[in-house]
Amino acid sequence: MNITFRQLRVFTEVARQGSVQRAAEALHLSAPAVSMQIREIESQVGLMLFDRPGRRLELSGAGEYFLVYARRLLATLKEAEDAMARLTRVESGVLTLGMVSSAKYFLPGFLARFHAEHPSIEVRLKLGNREQLVALMQIRRGRSGGDGASAARLAEPGRTLCPASACAGDRTRSCVCPR
């Protein structure tokens, strides 16, 4: 079977509307294009998916079964689209932050706001002095093959993880800095 997601959308809309013409209007397609998609699906499946009493279309027994699977496939596609959108908008994942003790004065408020806006992002804190944090970043750099300074955008507008040279010279490897 070689059926496209577009054809599945057409099929489910025709099943919902009970009419090629109404489905075509809802999908912003021509009625002949919708009819052609339905014929192609029925050809691929090898069964009639609609009974055609008069101008009305009703799902056949095979059509009822096929509709269940079509909806399931479309729902899975929607879940995949949503998951990819979350990844591109940094809506899920893990953010690991290293902090020195002096950060306890400003970091809790920042993290609370960040967590409220991005509850699906897990935040992990690593506490240590400057030398310990630099060593940790060097270990992570070795694992990832990167330069140790993540350049991933935080979802809060105007803030990025940036190379330390943009903030405080070469004394640290990365920092949170305003744009």
C-alpha atoms as a PDB file:
ATOM      1  CA  MET A   1       0.000   0.000   0.000  1.00  0.00           C
ATOM      2  CA  ASN A   2       1.340   3.442  -0.925  1.00  0.00           C
ATOM      3  CA  ILE A   3      -1.036   6.014   0.571  1.00  0.00           C
ATOM      4  CA  THR A   4       0.045   9.543   1.490  1.00  0.00           C
ATOM      5  CA  PHE A   5      -0.884  11.512   4.594  1.00  0.00           C
ATOM      6  CA  ARG A   6      -2.607  14.001   2.306  1.00  0.00           C
ATOM      7  CA  GLN A   7      -4.811  11.206   0.971  1.00  0.00           C
ATOM      8  CA  LEU A   8      -5.598  10.123   4.530  1.00  0.00           C
ATOM      9  CA  ARG A   9      -6.661  13.688   5.361  1.00  0.00           C
ATOM     10  CA  VAL A  10      -8.903  13.740   2.273  1.00  0.00           C
ATOM     11  CA  PHE A  11     -10.414  10.369   3.193  1.00  0.00           C
ATOM     12  CA  THR A  12     -11.169  11.370   6.794  1.00  0.00           C
ATOM     13  CA  GLU A  13     -12.737  14.655   5.675  1.00  0.00           C
ATOM     14  CA  VAL A  14     -14.979  12.910   3.113  1.00  0.00           C
ATOM     15  CA  ALA A  15     -15.999  10.431   5.824  1.00  0.00           C
ATOM     16  CA  ARG A  16     -16.765  13.320   8.185  1.00  0.00           C
ATOM     17  CA  GLN A  17     -18.708  15.371   5.641  1.00  0.00           C
ATOM     18  CA  GLY A  18     -20.409  12.495   3.828  1.00  0.00           C
ATOM     19  CA  SER A  19     -19.934  14.460   0.600  1.00  0.00           C
ATOM     20  CA  VAL A  20     -17.109  14.974  -1.864  1.00  0.00           C
ATOM     21  CA  GLN A  21     -18.252  18.535  -2.558  1.00  0.00           C
ATOM     22  CA  ARG A  22     -18.378  19.567   1.123  1.00  0.00           C
ATOM     23  CA  ALA A  23     -15.053  17.862   1.813  1.00  0.00           C
ATOM     24  CA  ALA A  24     -13.513  19.667  -1.166  1.00  0.00           C
ATOM     25  CA  GLU A  25     -14.738  23.008   0.177  1.00  0.00           C
ATOM     26  CA  ALA A  26     -13.400  22.269   3.657  1.00  0.00           C
ATOM     27  CA  LEU A  27     -10.004  21.234   2.230  1.00  0.00           C
ATOM     28  CA  HIS A  28      -9.869  24.049  -0.337  1.00  0.00           C
ATOM     29  CA  LEU A  29      -9.602  21.538  -3.183  1.00  0.00           C
ATOM     30  CA  SER A  30     -11.702  20.854  -6.236  1.00  0.00           C
ATOM     31  CA  ALA A  31     -14.324  18.114  -6.079  1.00  0.00           C
ATOM     32  CA  PRO A  32     -12.641  16.178  -8.947  1.00  0.00           C
ATOM     33  CA  ALA A  33      -9.321  16.249  -7.030  1.00  0.00           C
ATOM     34  CA  VAL A  34     -11.023  14.840  -3.937  1.00  0.00           C
ATOM     35  CA  SER A  35     -12.816  12.144  -5.978  1.00  0.00           C
ATOM     36  CA  MET A  36      -9.522  11.176  -7.598  1.00  0.00           C
ATOM     37  CA  GLN A  37      -7.840  10.825  -4.177  1.00  0.00           C
ATOM     38  CA  ILE A  38     -10.661   8.600  -2.910  1.00  0.00           C
ATOM     39  CA  ARG A  39     -10.471   6.405  -6.039  1.00  0.00           C
ATOM     40  CA  GLU A  40      -6.695   6.103  -5.604  1.00  0.00           C
ATOM     41  CA  ILE A  41      -7.044   5.082  -1.936  1.00  0.00           C
ATOM     42  CA  GLU A  42      -9.698   2.495  -2.811  1.00  0.00           C
ATOM     43  CA  SER A  43      -7.427   1.189  -5.558  1.00  0.00           C
ATOM     44  CA  GLN A  44      -4.508   0.904  -3.130  1.00  0.00           C
ATOM     45  CA  VAL A  45      -6.636  -0.804  -0.480  1.00  0.00           C
ATOM     46  CA  GLY A  46      -8.391  -3.043  -2.991  1.00  0.00           C
ATOM     47  CA  LEU A  47     -11.797  -2.464  -1.387  1.00  0.00           C
ATOM     48  CA  MET A  48     -14.632   0.027  -1.705  1.00  0.00           C
ATOM     49  CA  LEU A  49     -14.425   2.308   1.316  1.00  0.00           C
ATOM     50  CA  PHE A  50     -17.678   4.163   0.603  1.00  0.00           C
ATOM     51  CA  ASP A  51     -21.185   3.085  -0.338  1.00  0.00           C
ATOM     52  CA  ARG A  52     -22.672   5.583  -2.740  1.00  0.00           C
ATOM     53  CA  PRO A  53     -26.450   5.777  -2.345  1.00  0.00           C
ATOM     54  CA  GLY A  54     -27.377   8.721  -4.567  1.00  0.00           C
ATOM     55  CA  ARG A  55     -25.142  11.762  -4.089  1.00  0.00           C
ATOM     56  CA  ARG A  56     -24.404  10.889  -0.451  1.00  0.00           C
ATOM     57  CA  LEU A  57     -21.327   8.899   0.582  1.00  0.00           C
ATOM     58  CA  GLU A  58     -21.495   6.498   3.501  1.00  0.00           C
ATOM     59  CA  LEU A  59     -18.617   4.473   4.860  1.00  0.00           C
ATOM     60  CA  SER A  60     -18.701   0.793   3.938  1.00  0.00           C
ATOM     61  CA  GLY A  61     -17.690  -1.832   6.494  1.00  0.00           C
ATOM     62  CA  ALA A  62     -14.122  -1.708   5.160  1.00  0.00           C
ATOM     63  CA  GLY A  63     -14.285   2.096   5.238  1.00  0.00           C
ATOM     64  CA  GLU A  64     -15.235   2.067   8.926  1.00  0.00           C
ATOM     65  CA  TYR A  65     -12.162  -0.022   9.724  1.00  0.00           C
ATOM     66  CA  PHE A  66      -9.922   2.046   7.476  1.00  0.00           C
ATOM     67  CA  LEU A  67     -11.123   5.269   9.124  1.00  0.00           C
ATOM     68  CA  VAL A  68      -9.936   4.028  12.524  1.00  0.00           C
ATOM     69  CA  TYR A  69      -6.443   3.406  11.144  1.00  0.00           C
ATOM     70  CA  ALA A  70      -6.388   6.634   9.128  1.00  0.00           C
ATOM     71  CA  ARG A  71      -7.219   8.664  12.239  1.00  0.00           C
ATOM     72  CA  ARG A  72      -4.610   6.780  14.232  1.00  0.00           C
ATOM     73  CA  LEU A  73      -1.927   7.451  11.602  1.00  0.00           C
ATOM     74  CA  LEU A  74      -2.845  11.138  11.373  1.00  0.00           C
ATOM     75  CA  ALA A  75      -2.781  11.447  15.165  1.00  0.00           C
ATOM     76  CA  THR A  76       0.679   9.845  15.268  1.00  0.00           C
ATOM     77  CA  LEU A  77       1.873  12.258  12.584  1.00  0.00           C
ATOM     78  CA  LYS A  78       0.505  15.174  14.634  1.00  0.00           C
ATOM     79  CA  GLU A  79       2.340  13.906  17.723  1.00  0.00           C
ATOM     80  CA  ALA A  80       5.589  13.708  15.727  1.00  0.00           C
ATOM     81  CA  GLU A  81       5.062  17.245  14.386  1.00  0.00           C
ATOM     82  CA  ASP A  82       4.403  18.513  17.925  1.00  0.00           C
ATOM     83  CA  ALA A  83       7.501  16.760  19.280  1.00  0.00           C
ATOM     84  CA  MET A  84       9.692  18.278  16.563  1.00  0.00           C
ATOM     85  CA  ALA A  85       8.170  21.707  17.200  1.00  0.00           C
ATOM     86  CA  ARG A  86       8.961  21.371  20.907  1.00  0.00           C
ATOM     87  CA  LEU A  87      12.568  20.518  20.081  1.00  0.00           C
ATOM     88  CA  THR A  88      12.979  23.445  17.699  1.00  0.00           C
ATOM     89  CA  ARG A  89      11.420  25.826  20.226  1.00  0.00           C
ATOM     90  CA  VAL A  90      13.452  24.342  23.085  1.00  0.00           C
ATOM     91  CA  GLU A  91      10.342  23.169  24.903  1.00  0.00           C
ATOM     92  CA  SER A  92      11.803  19.935  26.204  1.00  0.00           C
ATOM     93  CA  GLY A  93      15.137  18.505  27.222  1.00  0.00           C
ATOM     94  CA  VAL A  94      17.715  18.980  29.912  1.00  0.00           C
ATOM     95  CA  LEU A  95      19.557  22.192  30.800  1.00  0.00           C
ATOM     96  CA  THR A  96      22.584  21.705  33.033  1.00  0.00           C
ATOM     97  CA  LEU A  97      23.881  24.821  34.792  1.00  0.00           C
ATOM     98  CA  GLY A  98      27.065  25.161  36.776  1.00  0.00           C
ATOM     99  CA  MET A  99      26.975  27.753  39.522  1.00  0.00           C
ATOM    100  CA  VAL A 100      29.297  29.201  42.081  1.00  0.00           C
ATOM    101  CA  SER A 101      27.986  30.078  45.517  1.00  0.00           C
ATOM    102  CA  SER A 102      27.583  33.779  44.697  1.00  0.00           C
ATOM    103  CA  ALA A 103      24.941  32.864  42.093  1.00  0.00           C
ATOM    104  CA  LYS A 104      22.560  31.943  44.916  1.00  0.00           C
ATOM    105  CA  TYR A 105      21.530  35.604  45.043  1.00  0.00           C
ATOM    106  CA  PHE A 106      20.143  35.852  41.500  1.00  0.00           C
ATOM    107  CA  LEU A 107      19.851  32.337  40.058  1.00  0.00           C
ATOM    108  CA  PRO A 108      16.815  31.079  42.058  1.00  0.00           C
ATOM    109  CA  GLY A 109      14.564  33.852  40.731  1.00  0.00           C
ATOM    110  CA  PHE A 110      15.778  33.312  37.189  1.00  0.00           C
ATOM    111  CA  LEU A 111      15.264  29.532  37.430  1.00  0.00           C
ATOM    112  CA  ALA A 112      11.775  29.938  38.907  1.00  0.00           C
ATOM    113  CA  ARG A 113      10.727  32.169  35.989  1.00  0.00           C
ATOM    114  CA  PHE A 114      12.395  29.855  33.484  1.00  0.00           C
ATOM    115  CA  HIS A 115      10.670  26.775  34.954  1.00  0.00           C
ATOM    116  CA  ALA A 116       7.275  28.526  34.999  1.00  0.00           C
ATOM    117  CA  GLU A 117       7.644  29.353  31.294  1.00  0.00           C
ATOM    118  CA  HIS A 118       9.213  26.010  30.290  1.00  0.00           C
ATOM    119  CA  PRO A 119       7.951  23.249  32.603  1.00  0.00           C
ATOM    120  CA  SER A 120       9.061  20.459  30.221  1.00  0.00           C
ATOM    121  CA  ILE A 121      12.714  21.436  30.466  1.00  0.00           C
ATOM    122  CA  GLU A 122      14.535  19.651  33.258  1.00  0.00           C
ATOM    123  CA  VAL A 123      17.067  21.921  34.975  1.00  0.00           C
ATOM    124  CA  ARG A 124      20.074  20.349  36.669  1.00  0.00           C
ATOM    125  CA  LEU A 125      22.379  22.404  38.876  1.00  0.00           C
ATOM    126  CA  LYS A 126      26.037  21.630  39.421  1.00  0.00           C
ATOM    127  CA  LEU A 127      27.528  23.473  42.411  1.00  0.00           C
ATOM    128  CA  GLY A 128      31.213  24.132  42.738  1.00  0.00           C
ATOM    129  CA  ASN A 129      33.995  26.626  42.720  1.00  0.00           C
ATOM    130  CA  ARG A 130      35.360  28.061  39.480  1.00  0.00           C
ATOM    131  CA  GLU A 131      38.024  25.363  39.040  1.00  0.00           C
ATOM    132  CA  GLN A 132      35.537  22.524  39.610  1.00  0.00           C
ATOM    133  CA  LEU A 133      33.076  23.981  37.093  1.00  0.00           C
ATOM    134  CA  VAL A 134      35.777  24.535  34.463  1.00  0.00           C
ATOM    135  CA  ALA A 135      36.904  20.922  34.944  1.00  0.00           C
ATOM    136  CA  LEU A 136      33.301  19.728  34.585  1.00  0.00           C
ATOM    137  CA  MET A 137      32.915  21.650  31.317  1.00  0.00           C
ATOM    138  CA  GLN A 138      36.165  20.197  29.999  1.00  0.00           C
ATOM    139  CA  ILE A 139      34.919  16.698  30.761  1.00  0.00           C
ATOM    140  CA  ARG A 140      31.615  17.459  28.989  1.00  0.00           C
ATOM    141  CA  ARG A 141      33.522  19.007  26.071  1.00  0.00           C
ATOM    142  CA  GLY A 142      35.461  15.781  25.686  1.00  0.00           C
ATOM    143  CA  ARG A 143      32.232  13.723  25.596  1.00  0.00           C
ATOM    144  CA  SER A 144      30.419  15.950  23.115  1.00  0.00           C
ATOM    145  CA  GLY A 145      33.347  16.848  20.905  1.00  0.00           C
ATOM    146  CA  GLY A 146      32.348  20.507  21.282  1.00  0.00           C
ATOM    147  CA  ASP A 147      34.161  23.543  22.589  1.00  0.00           C
ATOM    148  CA  GLY A 148      32.561  23.361  26.041  1.00  0.00           C
ATOM    149  CA  ALA A 149      30.451  26.481  25.499  1.00  0.00           C
ATOM    150  CA  SER A 150      26.929  25.572  24.497  1.00  0.00           C
ATOM    151  CA  ALA A 151      25.380  27.988  22.045  1.00  0.00           C
ATOM    152  CA  ALA A 152      21.816  26.768  22.514  1.00  0.00           C
ATOM    153  CA  ARG A 153      19.204  29.509  22.745  1.00  0.00           C
ATOM    154  CA  LEU A 154      17.218  29.694  25.934  1.00  0.00           C
ATOM    155  CA  ALA A 155      13.547  30.164  25.243  1.00  0.00           C
ATOM    156  CA  GLU A 156      13.359  33.405  27.241  1.00  0.00           C
ATOM    157  CA  PRO A 157      13.653  36.257  24.710  1.00  0.00           C
ATOM    158  CA  GLY A 158      16.901  38.177  24.848  1.00  0.00           C
ATOM    159  CA  ARG A 159      19.015  35.578  26.647  1.00  0.00           C
ATOM    160  CA  THR A 160      21.430  33.060  25.209  1.00  0.00           C
ATOM    161  CA  LEU A 161      24.140  30.804  26.433  1.00  0.00           C
ATOM    162  CA  CYS A 162      27.192  32.396  24.903  1.00  0.00           C
ATOM    163  CA  PRO A 163      30.970  32.062  24.913  1.00  0.00           C
ATOM    164  CA  ALA A 164      32.451  33.607  28.012  1.00  0.00           C
ATOM    165  CA  SER A 165      34.654  35.889  25.960  1.00  0.00           C
ATOM    166  CA  ALA A 166      31.495  37.916  25.227  1.00  0.00           C
ATOM    167  CA  CYS A 167      30.964  38.434  28.968  1.00  0.00           C
ATOM    168  CA  ALA A 168      34.133  38.293  31.037  1.00  0.00           C
ATOM    169  CA  GLY A 169      37.131  37.456  28.898  1.00  0.00           C
ATOM    170  CA  ASP A 170      38.528  33.943  28.979  1.00  0.00           C
ATOM    171  CA  ARG A 171      38.073  33.425  32.720  1.00  0.00           C
ATOM    172  CA  THR A 172      35.082  31.069  32.306  1.00  0.00           C
ATOM    173  CA  ARG A 173      33.778  28.945  29.445  1.00  0.00           C
ATOM    174  CA  SER A 174      30.126  30.046  29.202  1.00  0.00           C
ATOM    175  CA  CYS A 175      27.662  32.353  30.862  1.00  0.00           C
ATOM    176  CA  VAL A 176      24.091  33.567  30.640  1.00  0.00           C
ATOM    177  CA  CYS A 177      24.199  37.003  29.115  1.00  0.00           C
ATOM    178  CA  PRO A 178      21.577  39.530  28.001  1.00  0.00           C
ATOM    179  CA  ARG A 179      21.406  40.499  24.326  1.00  0.00           C
END
